[in-house]
Amino acid sequence: MCAACRKAAMVPAIVLGIVFGCVAVLPLYLGSKKARFITAESRFSYTSLLLLILLISLILLAVPVVVCAVVAREVLPPFALALAITFIVGVLGFGAFWAKRIR
């Protein structure tokens, strides 16, 4: 594969990594909406909700990486890097937004 073809193949991989990184942040937002309805008498505690959200986010992060490794191994590094950076920035942004909203 020529160098220009490799660069052209990286652009969709990076875009898809950004998209899947944003999708992996969505459970945090949805979980914070659900956390408002937890009472002392409810079966679901904050800890179990947090663990469920983390499990869903990890699945949403791991599945695209495994699929990319099987389907297109040559674009795995830019895809995984874009996915990780987007997820980390999204989580930090969500945490900052949530902390500012609580005050």
Protein backbone atom coordinates (compact mmCIF):
# COMPACT_ATOMS: atom_id res chain seq x y z
CA MET A 1 0.00 0.00 0.00
CA CYS A 2 1.42 3.38 -0.97
CA ALA A 3 1.94 6.20 1.54
CA ALA A 4 -0.85 8.33 0.07
CA CYS A 5 -3.26 5.40 0.28
CA ARG A 6 -2.35 4.84 3.94
CA LYS A 7 -2.99 8.48 4.77
CA ALA A 8 -6.30 8.38 2.89
CA ALA A 9 -7.32 5.27 4.86
CA MET A 10 -6.48 6.95 8.18
CA VAL A 11 -8.97 9.80 7.76
CA PRO A 12 -12.12 7.60 7.95
CA ALA A 13 -10.55 5.62 10.79
CA ILE A 14 -9.94 8.80 12.79
CA VAL A 15 -13.46 10.07 12.09
CA LEU A 16 -14.97 6.75 13.14
CA GLY A 17 -12.80 6.76 16.27
CA ILE A 18 -14.16 10.18 17.19
CA VAL A 19 -17.74 9.04 16.58
CA PHE A 20 -17.37 5.88 18.66
CA GLY A 21 -15.61 7.86 21.41
CA CYS A 22 -18.58 10.21 21.61
CA VAL A 23 -20.97 7.24 21.69
CA ALA A 24 -19.03 5.75 24.62
CA VAL A 25 -19.58 8.94 26.64
CA LEU A 26 -23.38 8.83 26.22
CA PRO A 27 -23.98 6.30 29.05
CA LEU A 28 -22.53 8.83 31.50
CA TYR A 29 -25.07 11.41 30.46
CA LEU A 30 -27.95 8.95 30.52
CA GLY A 31 -26.82 7.54 33.87
CA SER A 32 -26.76 10.99 35.42
CA LYS A 33 -30.35 11.46 34.29
CA LYS A 34 -31.30 8.13 35.92
CA ALA A 35 -29.43 8.97 39.13
CA ARG A 36 -31.88 11.75 39.88
CA PHE A 37 -34.64 9.22 40.41
CA ILE A 38 -32.77 7.02 42.91
CA THR A 39 -34.31 7.16 46.36
CA ALA A 40 -33.37 5.49 49.63
CA GLU A 41 -36.01 2.80 49.06
CA SER A 42 -35.03 1.96 45.47
CA ARG A 43 -33.22 -1.26 44.60
CA PHE A 44 -30.59 0.50 42.51
CA SER A 45 -27.96 2.39 44.46
CA TYR A 46 -25.59 5.01 43.11
CA THR A 47 -22.72 2.53 43.22
CA SER A 48 -24.50 -0.12 41.19
CA LEU A 49 -25.56 2.51 38.67
CA LEU A 50 -21.98 3.76 38.39
CA LEU A 51 -20.64 0.24 37.87
CA LEU A 52 -23.27 -0.47 35.22
CA ILE A 53 -22.43 2.76 33.39
CA LEU A 54 -18.72 1.95 33.47
CA LEU A 55 -19.36 -1.56 32.15
CA ILE A 56 -21.47 -0.24 29.28
CA SER A 57 -18.87 2.41 28.44
CA LEU A 58 -16.07 -0.17 28.45
CA ILE A 59 -18.07 -2.43 26.14
CA LEU A 60 -18.74 0.52 23.83
CA LEU A 61 -15.00 1.21 23.80
CA ALA A 62 -13.73 -2.35 23.41
CA VAL A 63 -16.05 -3.69 20.71
CA PRO A 64 -15.10 -1.15 18.00
CA VAL A 65 -11.39 -1.65 18.74
CA VAL A 66 -11.70 -5.42 18.39
CA VAL A 67 -13.72 -5.08 15.18
CA CYS A 68 -11.16 -2.67 13.76
CA ALA A 69 -8.34 -5.05 14.70
CA VAL A 70 -10.06 -7.88 12.86
CA VAL A 71 -11.24 -5.93 9.81
CA ALA A 72 -8.55 -3.31 9.21
CA ARG A 73 -5.48 -3.84 11.36
CA GLU A 74 -3.40 -1.26 9.46
CA VAL A 75 -5.59 1.63 10.70
CA LEU A 76 -5.92 0.35 14.27
CA PRO A 77 -3.43 2.81 15.90
CA PRO A 78 -5.06 6.02 14.61
CA PHE A 79 -8.55 4.61 15.27
CA ALA A 80 -7.74 3.57 18.84
CA LEU A 81 -5.92 6.83 19.55
CA ALA A 82 -8.81 8.94 18.26
CA LEU A 83 -11.25 6.80 20.25
CA ALA A 84 -9.27 7.11 23.49
CA ILE A 85 -8.62 10.85 23.16
CA THR A 86 -12.26 11.57 22.35
CA PHE A 87 -13.46 9.46 25.27
CA ILE A 88 -11.07 11.10 27.74
CA VAL A 89 -11.93 14.62 26.56
CA GLY A 90 -15.64 13.76 26.66
CA VAL A 91 -15.44 12.36 30.19
CA LEU A 92 -13.45 15.37 31.43
CA GLY A 93 -15.86 17.75 29.73
CA PHE A 94 -18.85 15.93 31.17
CA GLY A 95 -17.32 15.97 34.65
CA ALA A 96 -16.57 19.69 34.44
CA PHE A 97 -20.09 20.42 33.16
CA TRP A 98 -21.66 18.28 35.88
CA ALA A 99 -19.53 19.81 38.67
CA LYS A 100 -20.40 23.31 37.49
CA ARG A 101 -24.09 22.43 37.28
CA ILE A 102 -24.17 21.12 40.87
CA ARG A 103 -22.79 24.35 42.36
